[in-house]
């Protein structure tokens, strides 16, 4: 299988409030949108004569946002 590599990024912003602490979290899964192999599958070209190995990829760039409050 081809090499698998991804970059995940995240940042947390904390803010003290009167009744506790608020936290905003922002993140990116697979930040540079690399098409990593999930599995390989045998298939045929459009002419139907030649068998080829195809790479199946999942999970492009996925952003995330979270808010939490501790009191």
Protein backbone atom coordinates (compact mmCIF):
# COMPACT_ATOMS: atom_id res chain seq x y z
CA UNK A 1 0.00 0.00 0.00
CA UNK A 2 1.12 3.59 -0.56
CA UNK A 3 2.32 5.63 2.41
CA UNK A 4 -0.33 7.05 4.77
CA UNK A 5 0.23 10.49 6.25
CA UNK A 6 -1.99 13.28 7.54
CA UNK A 7 -1.69 16.47 9.56
CA UNK A 8 -4.21 17.21 12.33
CA UNK A 9 -4.31 20.70 13.84
CA UNK A 10 -6.11 22.04 16.87
CA UNK A 11 -6.28 25.12 19.06
CA UNK A 12 -8.07 25.80 22.37
CA UNK A 13 -9.08 29.29 23.50
CA UNK A 14 -9.78 29.67 27.25
CA UNK A 15 -11.70 32.56 28.81
CA UNK A 16 -12.31 33.07 32.53
CA UNK A 17 -15.91 34.03 33.26
CA UNK A 18 -17.67 35.14 36.44
CA UNK A 19 -19.08 31.64 37.07
CA UNK A 20 -16.38 29.45 35.54
CA UNK A 21 -14.24 28.93 32.46
CA UNK A 22 -15.35 28.88 28.82
CA UNK A 23 -13.32 27.02 26.20
CA UNK A 24 -13.61 27.19 22.41
CA UNK A 25 -11.82 24.41 20.50
CA UNK A 26 -11.15 24.53 16.76
CA UNK A 27 -9.61 21.69 14.78
CA UNK A 28 -8.78 20.31 11.34
CA UNK A 29 -8.51 16.61 10.56
CA UNK A 30 -6.30 15.89 7.51
CA UNK A 31 -5.42 19.59 7.22
CA UNK A 32 -3.77 19.41 3.79
CA UNK A 33 -6.48 17.16 2.33
CA UNK A 34 -4.21 14.25 1.33
CA UNK A 35 -6.02 11.33 -0.32
CA UNK A 36 -4.71 8.56 1.93
CA UNK A 37 -5.45 4.93 1.02
CA UNK A 38 -8.27 3.30 2.99
CA UNK A 39 -8.06 0.09 1.00
CA UNK A 40 -7.05 -1.18 -2.44
CA UNK A 41 -9.49 -2.86 -4.81
CA UNK A 42 -9.13 -4.68 -8.12
CA UNK A 43 -11.15 -3.24 -10.98
CA UNK A 44 -11.22 -3.01 -14.76
CA UNK A 45 -10.52 -0.13 -17.11
CA UNK A 46 -13.43 1.26 -19.14
CA UNK A 47 -12.61 -0.99 -22.08
CA UNK A 48 -13.07 -3.97 -19.72
CA UNK A 49 -9.95 -5.77 -20.84
CA UNK A 50 -7.27 -4.65 -18.42
CA UNK A 51 -7.39 -5.37 -14.67
CA UNK A 52 -6.03 -2.55 -12.46
CA UNK A 53 -5.53 -1.91 -8.76
CA UNK A 54 -7.57 1.10 -7.54
CA UNK A 55 -6.99 3.06 -4.36
CA UNK A 56 -10.10 3.91 -2.31
CA UNK A 57 -9.72 7.00 -0.10
CA UNK A 58 -11.93 8.36 2.66
CA UNK A 59 -12.00 11.39 4.92
CA UNK A 60 -11.01 14.61 3.20
CA UNK A 61 -10.37 17.72 5.29
CA UNK A 62 -12.84 17.76 8.21
CA UNK A 63 -13.20 20.87 10.41
CA UNK A 64 -14.45 20.73 14.00
CA UNK A 65 -15.71 23.30 16.51
CA UNK A 66 -16.47 22.69 20.17
CA UNK A 67 -17.61 24.93 23.03
CA UNK A 68 -17.45 23.86 26.67
CA UNK A 69 -18.12 25.60 29.94
CA UNK A 70 -16.86 24.51 33.37
CA UNK A 71 -18.39 25.95 36.51
